[in-house]
Amino acid sequence: MKSRAAIHTGHDNPLVIDEVNIPDPQDDQVIVKLYSSGVCHSQLHQMHNPETVTPSLLGHEGFGVVTHIGSSVTHIKEGDAAIVTWVPREPTRGRWRAPSAGVTWNEQPLDASTYTWGEDAIVWGGYVVKVEDDSPKDLSSIVGCAVLTGAGAVTHTAKVRPQESVAIFGVGGVGMSAIQMASILEAYPIIAVDLDEEKLKFAKEFGATHTVNAKNVDPVEAIIEITGGGADYAFDAIGLRITNEQILPSTRSGGSGADNIGGMAVLIGMPGPEMTVWPGHFMFHQRQYRGSLGATYPDKDFNMYLRLHKEGKFPLDKLVTKRYRLDEINQACHELESGNIMGRAILEY
């Protein structure tokens, strides 16, 4: 079948909107007619990375209806509402990526194990998660990355509990999702850190109790002062070297003894090639540094997030602040890269 998609043709090239050819699904594949997709910073990293295989398809959080299924797919059926994501719906071991979907463009194979910047997506069935039929067609897409990444880091990686203190560096879609989940879990204080005063004000609408503008003050010192010694958990939702290095000293100190453990730093944002960390944080203070890569259980968590939205506890409608058509994808990427999008932007088909 023919469908339109955004095609990445080369390092730093504008995306090309054109017709692609989608094959019939293999035994383990699913085709989803998409209604919406999130616009994620991870795709900017791919577009600017000269090592990214091209031509390729991008995007990894979408919502739509299933139109075709392979013969071995049993967890979903044609007509079901579904989220397309990048995290396998069933737990896996090790770092794994599904094979390329088999889409072609001008008879060239397009690299993509999952993609959502297109009107239809054919993906491995394990990346397609059934959700309730009344899930919002526009908002549900961002559950497939922004929400699962931020909220999952708070819930499953850090396992935040009531009255524990958290600091979140970077308040885009992922950071806002982390703040909102920390609020739902009754963390306190919840400290939002950013360089943009408008985004910090916006963060308060999602549950931030304190804000720190890192343009004006040292965020590490500010967090230590607010918490009286350091946060229980500090999350980097940006991925810059400076924030990679700031989150660990922002956490509280531990010390000698079997149960005298310090705070935990959690890296969510896609990092660069290197950072510098003083080893004494680990040895003398028993602080912990962890990564969080899509820490979620899609089959269970996706419907939970959508239920929380329906109950008014996780306002996806507030989190989505800009909407674009597929033909406007280059504009969406430019505005995201320029820092002009609060929350999350989406494509609507």
C-alpha atoms as a PDB file:
ATOM      1  CA  MET A   1       0.000   0.000   0.000  1.00  0.00           C
ATOM      2  CA  LYS A   2       0.998   3.611  -0.548  1.00  0.00           C
ATOM      3  CA  SER A   3       1.240   6.144   2.277  1.00  0.00           C
ATOM      4  CA  ARG A   4       2.856   9.514   2.940  1.00  0.00           C
ATOM      5  CA  ALA A   5       5.729   9.883   5.404  1.00  0.00           C
ATOM      6  CA  ALA A   6       8.591  12.162   6.412  1.00  0.00           C
ATOM      7  CA  ILE A   7      11.867  10.774   5.066  1.00  0.00           C
ATOM      8  CA  HIS A   8      15.305  11.527   6.505  1.00  0.00           C
ATOM      9  CA  THR A   9      17.656  11.581   3.505  1.00  0.00           C
ATOM     10  CA  GLY A  10      20.933  12.703   5.052  1.00  0.00           C
ATOM     11  CA  HIS A  11      22.800  14.463   7.843  1.00  0.00           C
ATOM     12  CA  ASP A  12      21.179  17.871   8.567  1.00  0.00           C
ATOM     13  CA  ASN A  13      19.025  17.695   5.404  1.00  0.00           C
ATOM     14  CA  PRO A  14      15.410  18.895   5.625  1.00  0.00           C
ATOM     15  CA  LEU A  15      12.964  16.015   5.840  1.00  0.00           C
ATOM     16  CA  VAL A  16      11.269  15.066   2.580  1.00  0.00           C
ATOM     17  CA  ILE A  17       7.513  14.458   2.617  1.00  0.00           C
ATOM     18  CA  ASP A  18       6.724  11.857  -0.017  1.00  0.00           C
ATOM     19  CA  GLU A  19       4.844   8.682  -0.798  1.00  0.00           C
ATOM     20  CA  VAL A  20       6.344   5.435   0.465  1.00  0.00           C
ATOM     21  CA  ASN A  21       5.447   1.824  -0.198  1.00  0.00           C
ATOM     22  CA  ILE A  22       4.309  -0.304   2.750  1.00  0.00           C
ATOM     23  CA  PRO A  23       4.442  -4.071   2.178  1.00  0.00           C
ATOM     24  CA  ASP A  24       1.933  -6.596   3.459  1.00  0.00           C
ATOM     25  CA  PRO A  25       2.717  -7.402   7.093  1.00  0.00           C
ATOM     26  CA  GLN A  26       4.967 -10.311   7.911  1.00  0.00           C
ATOM     27  CA  ASP A  27       3.803 -12.828  10.526  1.00  0.00           C
ATOM     28  CA  ASP A  28       4.908 -10.660  13.459  1.00  0.00           C
ATOM     29  CA  GLN A  29       4.069  -7.210  12.046  1.00  0.00           C
ATOM     30  CA  VAL A  30       1.158  -4.800  12.444  1.00  0.00           C
ATOM     31  CA  ILE A  31       0.005  -1.870  10.301  1.00  0.00           C
ATOM     32  CA  VAL A  32      -1.528   1.089  12.137  1.00  0.00           C
ATOM     33  CA  LYS A  33      -3.409   3.981  10.537  1.00  0.00           C
ATOM     34  CA  LEU A  34      -2.050   6.871  12.581  1.00  0.00           C
ATOM     35  CA  TYR A  35      -4.059   9.820  13.860  1.00  0.00           C
ATOM     36  CA  SER A  36      -1.214  11.559  15.685  1.00  0.00           C
ATOM     37  CA  SER A  37       2.461  11.410  16.620  1.00  0.00           C
ATOM     38  CA  GLY A  38       4.661  13.162  19.121  1.00  0.00           C
ATOM     39  CA  VAL A  39       7.672  15.234  18.041  1.00  0.00           C
ATOM     40  CA  CYS A  40      10.604  14.127  20.192  1.00  0.00           C
ATOM     41  CA  HIS A  41      14.103  15.527  20.756  1.00  0.00           C
ATOM     42  CA  SER A  42      15.509  12.068  20.092  1.00  0.00           C
ATOM     43  CA  GLN A  43      14.688  12.485  16.416  1.00  0.00           C
ATOM     44  CA  LEU A  44      16.688  15.730  16.336  1.00  0.00           C
ATOM     45  CA  HIS A  45      19.671  13.747  17.610  1.00  0.00           C
ATOM     46  CA  GLN A  46      19.152  11.233  14.805  1.00  0.00           C
ATOM     47  CA  MET A  47      18.855  13.947  12.158  1.00  0.00           C
ATOM     48  CA  HIS A  48      22.064  15.658  13.281  1.00  0.00           C
ATOM     49  CA  ASN A  49      24.058  12.458  13.720  1.00  0.00           C
ATOM     50  CA  PRO A  50      26.165  11.711  10.619  1.00  0.00           C
ATOM     51  CA  GLU A  51      26.217   8.039  11.655  1.00  0.00           C
ATOM     52  CA  THR A  52      22.431   7.685  11.321  1.00  0.00           C
ATOM     53  CA  VAL A  53      21.565   5.279   8.514  1.00  0.00           C
ATOM     54  CA  THR A  54      19.737   6.992   5.651  1.00  0.00           C
ATOM     55  CA  PRO A  55      17.317   7.100   4.012  1.00  0.00           C
ATOM     56  CA  SER A  56      15.214   6.373   7.053  1.00  0.00           C
ATOM     57  CA  LEU A  57      11.880   6.967   8.760  1.00  0.00           C
ATOM     58  CA  LEU A  58      11.579   8.721  12.113  1.00  0.00           C
ATOM     59  CA  GLY A  59       9.250   9.119  15.071  1.00  0.00           C
ATOM     60  CA  HIS A  60       8.514   6.633  17.835  1.00  0.00           C
ATOM     61  CA  GLU A  61       5.311   7.686  19.621  1.00  0.00           C
ATOM     62  CA  GLY A  62       2.028   7.485  17.757  1.00  0.00           C
ATOM     63  CA  PHE A  63      -1.653   6.664  18.159  1.00  0.00           C
ATOM     64  CA  GLY A  64      -4.035   5.140  15.654  1.00  0.00           C
ATOM     65  CA  VAL A  65      -6.188   2.191  14.690  1.00  0.00           C
ATOM     66  CA  VAL A  66      -4.912  -1.231  13.634  1.00  0.00           C
ATOM     67  CA  THR A  67      -5.706  -2.000   9.984  1.00  0.00           C
ATOM     68  CA  HIS A  68      -3.661  -5.171   9.285  1.00  0.00           C
ATOM     69  CA  ILE A  69      -2.015  -7.838  11.427  1.00  0.00           C
ATOM     70  CA  GLY A  70       0.391 -10.680  10.742  1.00  0.00           C
ATOM     71  CA  SER A  71      -0.665 -14.276  11.263  1.00  0.00           C
ATOM     72  CA  SER A  72       1.250 -14.732  14.537  1.00  0.00           C
ATOM     73  CA  VAL A  73       0.024 -11.532  16.223  1.00  0.00           C
ATOM     74  CA  THR A  74      -2.545 -12.421  18.905  1.00  0.00           C
ATOM     75  CA  HIS A  75      -2.546  -9.538  21.404  1.00  0.00           C
ATOM     76  CA  ILE A  76      -4.337  -7.110  19.114  1.00  0.00           C
ATOM     77  CA  LYS A  77      -6.830  -7.225  16.261  1.00  0.00           C
ATOM     78  CA  GLU A  78      -7.906  -5.109  13.317  1.00  0.00           C
ATOM     79  CA  GLY A  79      -9.983  -2.133  14.465  1.00  0.00           C
ATOM     80  CA  ASP A  80      -8.314  -1.846  17.874  1.00  0.00           C
ATOM     81  CA  ALA A  81      -7.051   1.515  19.121  1.00  0.00           C
ATOM     82  CA  ALA A  82      -3.313   1.305  19.686  1.00  0.00           C
ATOM     83  CA  ILE A  83      -0.177   3.216  20.613  1.00  0.00           C
ATOM     84  CA  VAL A  84       2.970   2.680  18.544  1.00  0.00           C
ATOM     85  CA  THR A  85       6.047   2.976  20.727  1.00  0.00           C
ATOM     86  CA  TRP A  86       9.740   2.035  20.900  1.00  0.00           C
ATOM     87  CA  VAL A  87       9.638   0.005  24.103  1.00  0.00           C
ATOM     88  CA  PRO A  88       8.712  -3.698  23.722  1.00  0.00           C
ATOM     89  CA  ARG A  89       5.338  -4.407  25.289  1.00  0.00           C
ATOM     90  CA  GLU A  90       6.750  -7.484  27.022  1.00  0.00           C
ATOM     91  CA  PRO A  91       9.951  -7.369  29.115  1.00  0.00           C
ATOM     92  CA  THR A  92      13.167  -8.174  27.250  1.00  0.00           C
ATOM     93  CA  ARG A  93      16.759  -8.697  28.338  1.00  0.00           C
ATOM     94  CA  GLY A  94      19.604  -6.652  26.931  1.00  0.00           C
ATOM     95  CA  ARG A  95      19.563  -3.906  24.320  1.00  0.00           C
ATOM     96  CA  TRP A  96      17.463  -5.048  21.391  1.00  0.00           C
ATOM     97  CA  ARG A  97      16.054  -3.429  18.271  1.00  0.00           C
ATOM     98  CA  ALA A  98      13.427  -4.905  15.982  1.00  0.00           C
ATOM     99  CA  PRO A  99      14.380  -5.501  12.341  1.00  0.00           C
ATOM    100  CA  SER A 100      13.674  -2.767   9.815  1.00  0.00           C
ATOM    101  CA  ALA A 101       9.997  -2.593   8.889  1.00  0.00           C
ATOM    102  CA  GLY A 102      10.469  -3.180   5.148  1.00  0.00           C
ATOM    103  CA  VAL A 103       9.151   0.152   3.860  1.00  0.00           C
ATOM    104  CA  THR A 104      10.613   1.419   0.569  1.00  0.00           C
ATOM    105  CA  TRP A 105      10.848   4.790  -1.168  1.00  0.00           C
ATOM    106  CA  ASN A 106      11.626   5.000  -4.876  1.00  0.00           C
ATOM    107  CA  GLU A 107      12.553   1.318  -4.577  1.00  0.00           C
ATOM    108  CA  GLN A 108      15.114   2.110  -1.849  1.00  0.00           C
ATOM    109  CA  PRO A 109      14.769   0.372   1.534  1.00  0.00           C
ATOM    110  CA  LEU A 110      14.073   2.782   4.390  1.00  0.00           C
ATOM    111  CA  ASP A 111      15.716   2.115   7.726  1.00  0.00           C
ATOM    112  CA  ALA A 112      13.160   2.041  10.541  1.00  0.00           C
ATOM    113  CA  SER A 113      12.363  -0.506  13.222  1.00  0.00           C
ATOM    114  CA  THR A 114       9.551   1.743  14.414  1.00  0.00           C
ATOM    115  CA  TYR A 115       8.313   5.076  13.068  1.00  0.00           C
ATOM    116  CA  THR A 116       5.347   7.423  13.481  1.00  0.00           C
ATOM    117  CA  TRP A 117       6.092  10.442  11.262  1.00  0.00           C
ATOM    118  CA  GLY A 118       3.805   9.127   8.580  1.00  0.00           C
ATOM    119  CA  GLU A 119       0.139   8.479   7.879  1.00  0.00           C
ATOM    120  CA  ASP A 120       0.497   4.709   8.297  1.00  0.00           C
ATOM    121  CA  ALA A 121       3.125   2.675  10.134  1.00  0.00           C
ATOM    122  CA  ILE A 122       4.134  -0.954   9.747  1.00  0.00           C
ATOM    123  CA  VAL A 123       6.070  -2.146  12.776  1.00  0.00           C
ATOM    124  CA  TRP A 124       6.939  -5.231  14.764  1.00  0.00           C
ATOM    125  CA  GLY A 125       3.887  -6.259  16.776  1.00  0.00           C
ATOM    126  CA  GLY A 126       5.756  -5.930  20.057  1.00  0.00           C
ATOM    127  CA  TYR A 127       5.855  -2.157  19.535  1.00  0.00           C
ATOM    128  CA  VAL A 128       2.051  -1.915  19.224  1.00  0.00           C
ATOM    129  CA  VAL A 129       0.089  -1.641  22.457  1.00  0.00           C
ATOM    130  CA  LYS A 130      -3.685  -1.964  22.655  1.00  0.00           C
ATOM    131  CA  VAL A 131      -5.451   0.824  24.563  1.00  0.00           C
ATOM    132  CA  GLU A 132      -9.072   1.695  25.255  1.00  0.00           C
ATOM    133  CA  ASP A 133     -11.114   2.577  22.167  1.00  0.00           C
ATOM    134  CA  ASP A 134     -12.178   5.923  23.642  1.00  0.00           C
ATOM    135  CA  SER A 135      -8.577   7.088  24.117  1.00  0.00           C
ATOM    136  CA  PRO A 136      -8.113  10.604  22.705  1.00  0.00           C
ATOM    137  CA  LYS A 137      -6.891  10.422  19.099  1.00  0.00           C
ATOM    138  CA  ASP A 138      -4.581  13.410  19.426  1.00  0.00           C
ATOM    139  CA  LEU A 139      -3.218  13.208  22.967  1.00  0.00           C
ATOM    140  CA  SER A 140      -2.628   9.481  23.380  1.00  0.00           C
ATOM    141  CA  SER A 141       0.377   9.483  21.058  1.00  0.00           C
ATOM    142  CA  ILE A 142       2.688  11.146  23.595  1.00  0.00           C
ATOM    143  CA  VAL A 143       2.154   8.309  26.055  1.00  0.00           C
ATOM    144  CA  GLY A 144       4.364   6.279  23.690  1.00  0.00           C
ATOM    145  CA  CYS A 145       7.533   8.220  24.601  1.00  0.00           C
ATOM    146  CA  ALA A 146       7.322  11.504  26.502  1.00  0.00           C
ATOM    147  CA  VAL A 147       5.053  10.205  29.242  1.00  0.00           C
ATOM    148  CA  LEU A 148       6.507   6.725  29.556  1.00  0.00           C
ATOM    149  CA  THR A 149      10.064   8.101  29.665  1.00  0.00           C
ATOM    150  CA  GLY A 150       9.532  10.806  32.278  1.00  0.00           C
ATOM    151  CA  ALA A 151       6.865   9.177  34.397  1.00  0.00           C
ATOM    152  CA  GLY A 152       8.502   5.759  34.077  1.00  0.00           C
ATOM    153  CA  ALA A 153      11.837   7.078  35.374  1.00  0.00           C
ATOM    154  CA  VAL A 154      10.099   8.421  38.472  1.00  0.00           C
ATOM    155  CA  THR A 155       7.891   5.377  39.037  1.00  0.00           C
ATOM    156  CA  HIS A 156      10.039   2.419  38.041  1.00  0.00           C
ATOM    157  CA  THR A 157      13.683   3.548  37.974  1.00  0.00           C
ATOM    158  CA  ALA A 158      13.754   5.745  41.081  1.00  0.00           C
ATOM    159  CA  LYS A 159      10.630   4.283  42.722  1.00  0.00           C
ATOM    160  CA  VAL A 160       9.836   7.647  44.319  1.00  0.00           C
ATOM    161  CA  ARG A 161       7.700   7.538  47.455  1.00  0.00           C
ATOM    162  CA  PRO A 162       5.610  10.171  49.276  1.00  0.00           C
ATOM    163  CA  GLN A 163       7.580  13.014  50.881  1.00  0.00           C
ATOM    164  CA  GLU A 164      10.806  12.119  49.059  1.00  0.00           C
ATOM    165  CA  SER A 165      12.442  15.085  47.355  1.00  0.00           C
ATOM    166  CA  VAL A 166      13.046  15.258  43.615  1.00  0.00           C
ATOM    167  CA  ALA A 167      14.744  17.690  41.248  1.00  0.00           C
ATOM    168  CA  ILE A 168      14.095  17.587  37.501  1.00  0.00           C
ATOM    169  CA  PHE A 169      16.542  19.290  35.144  1.00  0.00           C
ATOM    170  CA  GLY A 170      14.793  20.263  31.908  1.00  0.00           C
ATOM    171  CA  VAL A 171      11.059  20.851  31.694  1.00  0.00           C
ATOM    172  CA  GLY A 172      10.111  19.819  28.181  1.00  0.00           C
ATOM    173  CA  GLY A 173       7.639  17.009  27.522  1.00  0.00           C
ATOM    174  CA  VAL A 174       9.714  14.365  29.310  1.00  0.00           C
ATOM    175  CA  GLY A 175      10.592  16.607  32.262  1.00  0.00           C
ATOM    176  CA  MET A 176       6.980  17.737  32.680  1.00  0.00           C
ATOM    177  CA  SER A 177       5.875  14.093  32.694  1.00  0.00           C
ATOM    178  CA  ALA A 178       8.415  13.355  35.423  1.00  0.00           C
ATOM    179  CA  ILE A 179       7.174  16.326  37.462  1.00  0.00           C
ATOM    180  CA  GLN A 180       3.535  15.305  37.059  1.00  0.00           C
ATOM    181  CA  MET A 181       4.195  11.734  38.158  1.00  0.00           C
ATOM    182  CA  ALA A 182       6.265  12.913  41.114  1.00  0.00           C
ATOM    183  CA  SER A 183       3.287  15.045  42.119  1.00  0.00           C
ATOM    184  CA  ILE A 184       0.876  12.125  41.764  1.00  0.00           C
ATOM    185  CA  LEU A 185       3.193  10.068  43.994  1.00  0.00           C
ATOM    186  CA  GLU A 186       3.187  12.911  46.565  1.00  0.00           C
ATOM    187  CA  ALA A 187       6.890  13.693  46.432  1.00  0.00           C
ATOM    188  CA  TYR A 188       8.018  16.878  48.188  1.00  0.00           C
ATOM    189  CA  PRO A 189       9.642  19.162  47.357  1.00  0.00           C
ATOM    190  CA  ILE A 190       9.468  18.876  43.560  1.00  0.00           C
ATOM    191  CA  ILE A 191      12.090  21.187  42.087  1.00  0.00           C
ATOM    192  CA  ALA A 192      12.028  22.148  38.406  1.00  0.00           C
ATOM    193  CA  VAL A 193      15.326  23.393  36.910  1.00  0.00           C
ATOM    194  CA  ASP A 194      15.558  25.164  33.556  1.00  0.00           C
ATOM    195  CA  LEU A 195      16.911  28.286  31.845  1.00  0.00           C
ATOM    196  CA  ASP A 196      13.515  29.517  30.639  1.00  0.00           C
ATOM    197  CA  GLU A 197      11.355  31.383  33.138  1.00  0.00           C
ATOM    198  CA  GLU A 198       8.146  30.751  31.172  1.00  0.00           C
ATOM    199  CA  LYS A 199       8.775  27.004  31.164  1.00  0.00           C
ATOM    200  CA  LEU A 200       9.444  27.102  34.902  1.00  0.00           C
ATOM    201  CA  LYS A 201       6.107  28.846  35.469  1.00  0.00           C
ATOM    202  CA  PHE A 202       4.483  26.194  33.282  1.00  0.00           C
ATOM    203  CA  ALA A 203       6.109  23.462  35.382  1.00  0.00           C
ATOM    204  CA  LYS A 204       4.187  24.672  38.436  1.00  0.00           C
ATOM    205  CA  GLU A 205       0.963  23.744  36.643  1.00  0.00           C
ATOM    206  CA  PHE A 206       2.182  20.130  36.616  1.00  0.00           C
ATOM    207  CA  GLY A 207       3.132  19.986  40.277  1.00  0.00           C
ATOM    208  CA  ALA A 208       6.515  21.660  40.708  1.00  0.00           C
ATOM    209  CA  THR A 209       6.638  23.155  44.202  1.00  0.00           C
ATOM    210  CA  HIS A 210       9.894  25.065  43.635  1.00  0.00           C
ATOM    211  CA  THR A 211      11.694  26.348  40.562  1.00  0.00           C
ATOM    212  CA  VAL A 212      15.346  27.136  39.876  1.00  0.00           C
ATOM    213  CA  ASN A 213      16.500  29.231  36.932  1.00  0.00           C
ATOM    214  CA  ALA A 214      19.994  27.891  36.230  1.00  0.00           C
ATOM    215  CA  LYS A 215      20.748  31.024  34.242  1.00  0.00           C
ATOM    216  CA  ASN A 216      20.670  33.060  37.453  1.00  0.00           C
ATOM    217  CA  VAL A 217      21.950  30.732  40.196  1.00  0.00           C
ATOM    218  CA  ASP A 218      24.006  27.585  40.637  1.00  0.00           C
ATOM    219  CA  PRO A 219      21.312  24.892  40.488  1.00  0.00           C
ATOM    220  CA  VAL A 220      23.279  22.435  42.617  1.00  0.00           C
ATOM    221  CA  GLU A 221      23.621  24.954  45.453  1.00  0.00           C
ATOM    222  CA  ALA A 222      19.964  25.972  45.092  1.00  0.00           C
ATOM    223  CA  ILE A 223      18.729  22.376  45.318  1.00  0.00           C
ATOM    224  CA  ILE A 224      20.897  21.679  48.350  1.00  0.00           C
ATOM    225  CA  GLU A 225      19.496  24.790  50.054  1.00  0.00           C
ATOM    226  CA  ILE A 226      15.843  23.993  49.202  1.00  0.00           C
ATOM    227  CA  THR A 227      16.106  20.379  50.380  1.00  0.00           C
ATOM    228  CA  GLY A 228      18.386  20.983  53.367  1.00  0.00           C
ATOM    229  CA  GLY A 229      21.226  18.848  52.048  1.00  0.00           C
ATOM    230  CA  GLY A 230      20.359  17.509  48.610  1.00  0.00           C
ATOM    231  CA  ALA A 231      17.497  15.794  46.804  1.00  0.00           C
ATOM    232  CA  ASP A 232      16.634  12.151  47.263  1.00  0.00           C
ATOM    233  CA  TYR A 233      16.456  11.929  43.463  1.00  0.00           C
ATOM    234  CA  ALA A 234      17.683  14.212  40.690  1.00  0.00           C
ATOM    235  CA  PHE A 235      16.707  13.600  37.059  1.00  0.00           C
ATOM    236  CA  ASP A 236      18.421  14.905  33.930  1.00  0.00           C
ATOM    237  CA  ALA A 237      15.753  15.189  31.221  1.00  0.00           C
ATOM    238  CA  ILE A 238      18.053  17.243  28.954  1.00  0.00           C
ATOM    239  CA  GLY A 239      21.168  15.166  28.278  1.00  0.00           C
ATOM    240  CA  LEU A 240      23.763  17.947  28.052  1.00  0.00           C
ATOM    241  CA  ARG A 241      27.168  17.344  29.594  1.00  0.00           C
ATOM    242  CA  ILE A 242      26.654  20.080  32.181  1.00  0.00           C
ATOM    243  CA  THR A 243      23.377  18.587  33.401  1.00  0.00           C
ATOM    244  CA  ASN A 244      24.827  15.051  33.254  1.00  0.00           C
ATOM    245  CA  GLU A 245      27.429  16.300  35.706  1.00  0.00           C
ATOM    246  CA  GLN A 246      25.130  18.397  37.925  1.00  0.00           C
ATOM    247  CA  ILE A 247      22.527  15.843  38.928  1.00  0.00           C
ATOM    248  CA  LEU A 248      24.791  13.665  41.098  1.00  0.00           C
ATOM    249  CA  PRO A 249      26.079  16.407  43.439  1.00  0.00           C
ATOM    250  CA  SER A 250      22.493  17.695  43.637  1.00  0.00           C
ATOM    251  CA  THR A 251      21.513  14.598  45.578  1.00  0.00           C
ATOM    252  CA  ARG A 252      21.882  14.129  49.313  1.00  0.00           C
ATOM    253  CA  SER A 253      25.018  12.649  50.833  1.00  0.00           C
ATOM    254  CA  GLY A 254      25.321   9.263  52.436  1.00  0.00           C
ATOM    255  CA  GLY A 255      28.367   8.018  54.281  1.00  0.00           C
ATOM    256  CA  SER A 256      29.995   5.044  55.925  1.00  0.00           C
ATOM    257  CA  GLY A 257      27.833   2.161  56.988  1.00  0.00           C
ATOM    258  CA  ALA A 258      25.800  -0.622  55.418  1.00  0.00           C
ATOM    259  CA  ASP A 259      22.584   1.362  55.060  1.00  0.00           C
ATOM    260  CA  ASN A 260      23.909   4.916  54.820  1.00  0.00           C
ATOM    261  CA  ILE A 261      23.106   5.328  51.125  1.00  0.00           C
ATOM    262  CA  GLY A 262      23.103   8.727  49.422  1.00  0.00           C
ATOM    263  CA  GLY A 263      20.702  10.051  46.828  1.00  0.00           C
ATOM    264  CA  MET A 264      20.172   8.793  43.285  1.00  0.00           C
ATOM    265  CA  ALA A 265      20.873  10.658  40.044  1.00  0.00           C
ATOM    266  CA  VAL A 266      18.880   9.422  37.051  1.00  0.00           C
ATOM    267  CA  LEU A 267      19.910  10.200  33.479  1.00  0.00           C
ATOM    268  CA  ILE A 268      16.908  10.293  31.133  1.00  0.00           C
ATOM    269  CA  GLY A 269      18.008  12.656  28.351  1.00  0.00           C
ATOM    270  CA  MET A 270      20.130  11.324  25.492  1.00  0.00           C
ATOM    271  CA  PRO A 271      23.742  12.078  26.524  1.00  0.00           C
ATOM    272  CA  GLY A 272      26.820  13.125  24.600  1.00  0.00           C
ATOM    273  CA  PRO A 273      30.028  11.082  24.338  1.00  0.00           C
ATOM    274  CA  GLU A 274      31.575  11.947  27.696  1.00  0.00           C
ATOM    275  CA  MET A 275      31.230  13.557  31.103  1.00  0.00           C
ATOM    276  CA  THR A 276      33.382  13.968  34.208  1.00  0.00           C
ATOM    277  CA  VAL A 277      32.237  12.805  37.632  1.00  0.00           C
ATOM    278  CA  TRP A 278      34.228  12.899  40.881  1.00  0.00           C
ATOM    279  CA  PRO A 279      34.551   9.263  42.101  1.00  0.00           C
ATOM    280  CA  GLY A 280      34.201  10.441  45.694  1.00  0.00           C
ATOM    281  CA  HIS A 281      30.457  10.874  45.126  1.00  0.00           C
ATOM    282  CA  PHE A 282      30.238   7.094  44.943  1.00  0.00           C
ATOM    283  CA  MET A 283      32.909   6.106  47.483  1.00  0.00           C
ATOM    284  CA  PHE A 284      32.576   8.692  50.244  1.00  0.00           C
ATOM    285  CA  HIS A 285      28.912   9.615  49.877  1.00  0.00           C
ATOM    286  CA  GLN A 286      27.436   6.360  48.538  1.00  0.00           C
ATOM    287  CA  ARG A 287      25.501   8.315  45.918  1.00  0.00           C
ATOM    288  CA  GLN A 288      24.071   6.381  42.976  1.00  0.00           C
ATOM    289  CA  TYR A 289      23.975   7.193  39.256  1.00  0.00           C
ATOM    290  CA  ARG A 290      21.543   5.361  37.022  1.00  0.00           C
ATOM    291  CA  GLY A 291      20.273   5.533  33.484  1.00  0.00           C
ATOM    292  CA  SER A 292      16.600   5.180  32.627  1.00  0.00           C
ATOM    293  CA  LEU A 293      15.734   4.062  29.105  1.00  0.00           C
ATOM    294  CA  GLY A 294      11.981   3.873  28.648  1.00  0.00           C
ATOM    295  CA  ALA A 295      11.392   2.372  32.091  1.00  0.00           C
ATOM    296  CA  THR A 296       7.829   1.220  31.599  1.00  0.00           C
ATOM    297  CA  TYR A 297       5.547  -1.797  31.279  1.00  0.00           C
ATOM    298  CA  PRO A 298       3.548  -0.707  28.212  1.00  0.00           C
ATOM    299  CA  ASP A 299       0.667  -3.191  28.469  1.00  0.00           C
ATOM    300  CA  LYS A 300      -0.041  -2.131  32.046  1.00  0.00           C
ATOM    301  CA  ASP A 301       1.191   1.444  32.212  1.00  0.00           C
ATOM    302  CA  PHE A 302      -0.217   2.956  29.006  1.00  0.00           C
ATOM    303  CA  ASN A 303      -3.823   2.462  30.020  1.00  0.00           C
ATOM    304  CA  MET A 304      -2.936   3.677  33.534  1.00  0.00           C
ATOM    305  CA  TYR A 305      -1.577   6.960  32.147  1.00  0.00           C
ATOM    306  CA  LEU A 306      -4.665   7.377  29.967  1.00  0.00           C
ATOM    307  CA  ARG A 307      -6.904   6.664  32.958  1.00  0.00           C
ATOM    308  CA  LEU A 308      -5.041   9.251  35.026  1.00  0.00           C
ATOM    309  CA  HIS A 309      -5.627  11.742  32.202  1.00  0.00           C
ATOM    310  CA  LYS A 310      -9.332  10.907  32.153  1.00  0.00           C
ATOM    311  CA  GLU A 311      -9.453  11.462  35.920  1.00  0.00           C
ATOM    312  CA  GLY A 312      -7.800  14.885  35.535  1.00  0.00           C
ATOM    313  CA  LYS A 313      -4.610  13.818  37.325  1.00  0.00           C
ATOM    314  CA  PHE A 314      -2.281  13.707  34.308  1.00  0.00           C
ATOM    315  CA  PRO A 315      -3.453  16.492  31.941  1.00  0.00           C
ATOM    316  CA  LEU A 316      -2.188  15.391  28.524  1.00  0.00           C
ATOM    317  CA  ASP A 317      -4.256  18.184  26.965  1.00  0.00           C
ATOM    318  CA  LYS A 318      -2.191  20.733  28.864  1.00  0.00           C
ATOM    319  CA  LEU A 319       1.065  18.951  28.048  1.00  0.00           C
ATOM    320  CA  VAL A 320       0.406  19.159  24.282  1.00  0.00           C
ATOM    321  CA  THR A 321       1.068  22.804  23.450  1.00  0.00           C
ATOM    322  CA  LYS A 322       1.638  22.828  19.677  1.00  0.00           C
ATOM    323  CA  ARG A 323       0.089  20.949  16.758  1.00  0.00           C
ATOM    324  CA  TYR A 324       1.360  20.541  13.216  1.00  0.00           C
ATOM    325  CA  ARG A 325       0.414  18.766  10.002  1.00  0.00           C
ATOM    326  CA  LEU A 326       2.786  16.272   8.404  1.00  0.00           C
ATOM    327  CA  ASP A 327       3.788  18.851   5.785  1.00  0.00           C
ATOM    328  CA  GLU A 328       4.927  21.126   8.635  1.00  0.00           C
ATOM    329  CA  ILE A 329       7.338  18.624  10.196  1.00  0.00           C
ATOM    330  CA  ASN A 330      10.461  20.650   9.358  1.00  0.00           C
ATOM    331  CA  GLN A 331       8.925  23.700  11.029  1.00  0.00           C
ATOM    332  CA  ALA A 332       8.055  21.583  14.075  1.00  0.00           C
ATOM    333  CA  CYS A 333      11.645  20.311  14.316  1.00  0.00           C
ATOM    334  CA  HIS A 334      13.050  23.824  13.963  1.00  0.00           C
ATOM    335  CA  GLU A 335      10.802  25.215  16.694  1.00  0.00           C
ATOM    336  CA  LEU A 336      11.623  22.320  19.002  1.00  0.00           C
ATOM    337  CA  GLU A 337      15.344  22.799  18.475  1.00  0.00           C
ATOM    338  CA  SER A 338      14.993  26.546  19.048  1.00  0.00           C
ATOM    339  CA  GLY A 339      13.369  25.967  22.428  1.00  0.00           C
ATOM    340  CA  ASN A 340      10.057  27.452  21.332  1.00  0.00           C
ATOM    341  CA  ILE A 341       7.882  24.538  22.399  1.00  0.00           C
ATOM    342  CA  MET A 342       6.675  24.156  25.968  1.00  0.00           C
ATOM    343  CA  GLY A 343       5.512  20.667  26.801  1.00  0.00           C
ATOM    344  CA  ARG A 344       5.134  18.435  23.766  1.00  0.00           C
ATOM    345  CA  ALA A 345       4.334  19.115  20.109  1.00  0.00           C
ATOM    346  CA  ILE A 346       2.364  16.633  18.030  1.00  0.00           C
ATOM    347  CA  LEU A 347       1.630  15.888  14.399  1.00  0.00           C
ATOM    348  CA  GLU A 348      -1.998  15.320  13.427  1.00  0.00           C
ATOM    349  CA  TYR A 349      -2.919  13.293  10.347  1.00  0.00           C
END
